[in-house]
Amino acid sequence: MEIRPATADDREAIREVARDTWHDTYDELDADTIDETIDDWYGEAELERALSEAGTALLVAEVDGEVVGFTHGVVQGDEGDVLRMFVHPDHQREGVGTALHERLRDDLEDFNMKRMRAIDFASNDGGRAFYERLGFERTGEGEVEIGGEERKEVVYTLEL
């Protein structure tokens, strides 16, 4: 497995991993809502911004030359936010997410990050278990609108 900075050539693979993971993980969302959200959140402009903004890291995990996961994080002040962390369902529980997290943490610590936050749907038990295994603690809640409906989110924080 190789963890590396994403390039413009990875954009379609990132969308595919996100789409496949959302369809596999978020049963409460219908397929059209997922596809619309992926097109919005992972569109060309969004991914171009993630590739070029200062204080931002967009990383991919490759296995045998295929992108199987990605993460996107930003630092503001002394706080880093994991905006995205997805591993294709066929490659979950193989250490890909942990390797992405470790590299993202290392990259963001270069910007003097003192704590790391991650936000996920409250319904994602796998995400909760993943972040808790890495030492994150649940520190807050919020809501996000997806498909015209409010969805509960949970904030996880890791003090460094």
Protein backbone atom coordinates (compact mmCIF):
# COMPACT_ATOMS: atom_id res chain seq x y z
CA MET A 1 0.00 0.00 0.00
CA GLU A 2 1.19 3.50 -0.82
CA ILE A 3 -0.13 6.68 0.81
CA ARG A 4 0.63 9.74 -1.30
CA PRO A 5 -0.62 13.25 -2.03
CA ALA A 6 -3.52 13.22 -4.48
CA THR A 7 -3.09 14.70 -7.94
CA ALA A 8 -5.58 16.04 -10.46
CA ASP A 9 -5.48 12.62 -12.14
CA ASP A 10 -6.99 11.06 -8.98
CA ARG A 11 -10.23 13.07 -9.02
CA GLU A 12 -12.43 10.44 -10.68
CA ALA A 13 -11.02 7.64 -8.49
CA ILE A 14 -11.71 9.75 -5.38
CA ARG A 15 -15.33 10.23 -6.49
CA GLU A 16 -15.68 6.49 -7.15
CA VAL A 17 -14.36 5.57 -3.69
CA ALA A 18 -16.65 8.15 -2.08
CA ARG A 19 -19.71 6.99 -4.06
CA ASP A 20 -19.14 3.27 -3.40
CA THR A 21 -18.45 3.89 0.29
CA TRP A 22 -21.50 6.12 0.80
CA HIS A 23 -23.78 3.58 -0.93
CA ASP A 24 -22.37 0.82 1.29
CA THR A 25 -22.36 2.79 4.57
CA TYR A 26 -25.34 5.12 4.67
CA ASP A 27 -28.42 2.90 4.39
CA GLU A 28 -30.68 5.71 5.57
CA LEU A 29 -29.99 7.73 2.40
CA ASP A 30 -31.57 6.88 -0.94
CA ALA A 31 -29.32 6.31 -3.96
CA ASP A 32 -30.23 9.57 -5.72
CA THR A 33 -29.47 11.62 -2.60
CA ILE A 34 -26.07 9.94 -2.28
CA ASP A 35 -25.23 10.53 -5.94
CA GLU A 36 -26.27 14.20 -5.76
CA THR A 37 -24.23 14.71 -2.59
CA ILE A 38 -21.13 13.07 -4.10
CA ASP A 39 -21.46 15.20 -7.24
CA ASP A 40 -21.72 18.32 -5.07
CA TRP A 41 -19.11 17.59 -2.38
CA TYR A 42 -16.59 15.97 -4.72
CA GLY A 43 -17.12 18.03 -7.87
CA GLU A 44 -14.28 19.43 -9.95
CA ALA A 45 -14.19 22.80 -8.16
CA GLU A 46 -14.23 21.21 -4.68
CA LEU A 47 -11.46 18.77 -5.48
CA GLU A 48 -9.38 21.45 -7.21
CA ARG A 49 -9.64 23.59 -4.08
CA ALA A 50 -8.62 20.61 -1.91
CA LEU A 51 -5.59 20.04 -4.13
CA SER A 52 -4.39 23.64 -4.07
CA GLU A 53 -5.29 25.44 -0.81
CA ALA A 54 -2.58 26.14 1.75
CA GLY A 55 -2.99 24.25 5.03
CA THR A 56 -4.82 21.45 3.24
CA ALA A 57 -3.88 17.83 2.66
CA LEU A 58 -5.65 15.52 0.22
CA LEU A 59 -4.13 12.04 0.33
CA VAL A 60 -4.93 8.79 -1.46
CA ALA A 61 -4.17 5.19 -0.60
CA GLU A 62 -3.20 2.94 -3.49
CA VAL A 63 -3.06 -0.84 -3.58
CA ASP A 64 -1.59 -2.37 -6.74
CA GLY A 65 -1.92 0.99 -8.52
CA GLU A 66 -5.62 1.40 -7.65
CA VAL A 67 -6.95 4.17 -5.41
CA VAL A 68 -8.78 2.39 -2.58
CA GLY A 69 -9.14 5.22 -0.07
CA PHE A 70 -8.62 8.91 0.53
CA THR A 71 -8.63 11.53 3.24
CA HIS A 72 -8.90 15.31 3.17
CA GLY A 73 -7.89 17.51 6.08
CA VAL A 74 -7.32 21.19 6.78
CA VAL A 75 -5.66 23.19 9.55
CA GLN A 76 -7.01 26.46 10.91
CA GLY A 77 -5.03 27.87 13.79
CA ASP A 78 -4.00 24.97 16.01
CA GLU A 79 -6.93 22.76 15.05
CA GLY A 80 -7.00 20.22 12.24
CA ASP A 81 -10.23 18.96 10.73
CA VAL A 82 -10.62 15.63 8.99
CA LEU A 83 -13.12 16.65 6.33
CA ARG A 84 -13.21 13.31 4.54
CA MET A 85 -11.96 9.81 5.33
CA PHE A 86 -13.18 7.03 3.09
CA VAL A 87 -11.94 3.53 2.31
CA HIS A 88 -13.59 1.47 -0.41
CA PRO A 89 -15.77 -1.27 1.17
CA ASP A 90 -13.65 -3.99 -0.47
CA HIS A 91 -10.58 -2.70 1.41
CA GLN A 92 -11.97 -1.86 4.83
CA ARG A 93 -10.40 -3.51 7.88
CA GLU A 94 -7.08 -3.89 6.02
CA GLY A 95 -5.31 -0.97 7.74
CA VAL A 96 -5.95 1.50 4.91
CA GLY A 97 -7.90 3.97 7.08
CA THR A 98 -5.32 3.81 9.86
CA ALA A 99 -2.49 4.42 7.38
CA LEU A 100 -4.37 7.38 5.88
CA HIS A 101 -5.03 8.80 9.34
CA GLU A 102 -1.38 8.49 10.41
CA ARG A 103 -0.11 10.20 7.26
CA LEU A 104 -2.76 12.95 7.48
CA ARG A 105 -1.88 13.55 11.12
CA ASP A 106 1.82 13.78 10.28
CA ASP A 107 1.17 16.17 7.38
CA LEU A 108 -1.14 18.44 9.39
CA GLU A 109 1.20 18.50 12.41
CA ASP A 110 3.65 20.32 10.13
CA PHE A 111 1.20 23.25 10.44
CA ASN A 112 1.46 23.21 14.29
CA MET A 113 -1.85 21.43 14.83
CA LYS A 114 -2.55 20.68 18.51
CA ARG A 115 -5.85 18.84 18.15
CA MET A 116 -7.64 16.97 15.43
CA ARG A 117 -11.39 16.82 14.89
CA ALA A 118 -13.46 14.50 12.74
CA ILE A 119 -17.15 14.78 11.95
CA ASP A 120 -19.29 11.85 10.86
CA PHE A 121 -22.95 10.91 10.70
CA ALA A 122 -24.21 9.79 14.10
CA SER A 123 -25.60 6.67 12.42
CA ASN A 124 -22.16 5.48 11.25
CA ASP A 125 -21.22 2.90 13.87
CA GLY A 126 -18.18 1.80 11.84
CA GLY A 127 -16.89 5.38 11.73
CA ARG A 128 -17.42 5.77 15.48
CA ALA A 129 -15.49 2.58 16.20
CA PHE A 130 -12.70 3.64 13.83
CA TYR A 131 -12.19 7.05 15.46
CA GLU A 132 -12.44 5.65 18.99
CA ARG A 133 -9.77 3.03 18.15
CA LEU A 134 -7.50 5.91 17.11
CA GLY A 135 -8.01 7.67 20.45
CA PHE A 136 -10.63 10.23 19.44
CA GLU A 137 -13.35 11.13 21.95
CA ARG A 138 -16.88 12.24 21.19
CA THR A 139 -16.98 15.97 21.97
CA GLY A 140 -20.02 17.40 20.23
CA GLU A 141 -22.98 17.05 17.93
CA GLY A 142 -24.36 18.96 15.01
CA GLU A 143 -26.55 18.66 11.98
CA VAL A 144 -25.99 18.79 8.25
CA GLU A 145 -28.55 19.01 5.47
CA ILE A 146 -28.41 16.14 3.02
CA GLY A 147 -31.14 15.62 0.45
CA GLY A 148 -33.32 18.32 1.98
CA GLU A 149 -33.30 16.69 5.42
CA GLU A 150 -31.30 17.42 8.57
CA ARG A 151 -28.97 14.58 9.57
CA LYS A 152 -27.30 14.25 12.96
CA GLU A 153 -23.53 14.44 13.06
CA VAL A 154 -21.06 13.66 15.80
CA VAL A 155 -17.79 15.51 16.42
CA TYR A 156 -14.79 13.45 17.55
CA THR A 157 -11.65 15.13 18.92
CA LEU A 158 -8.10 13.90 19.42
CA GLU A 159 -5.85 16.01 21.64
CA LEU A 160 -2.23 15.81 20.50
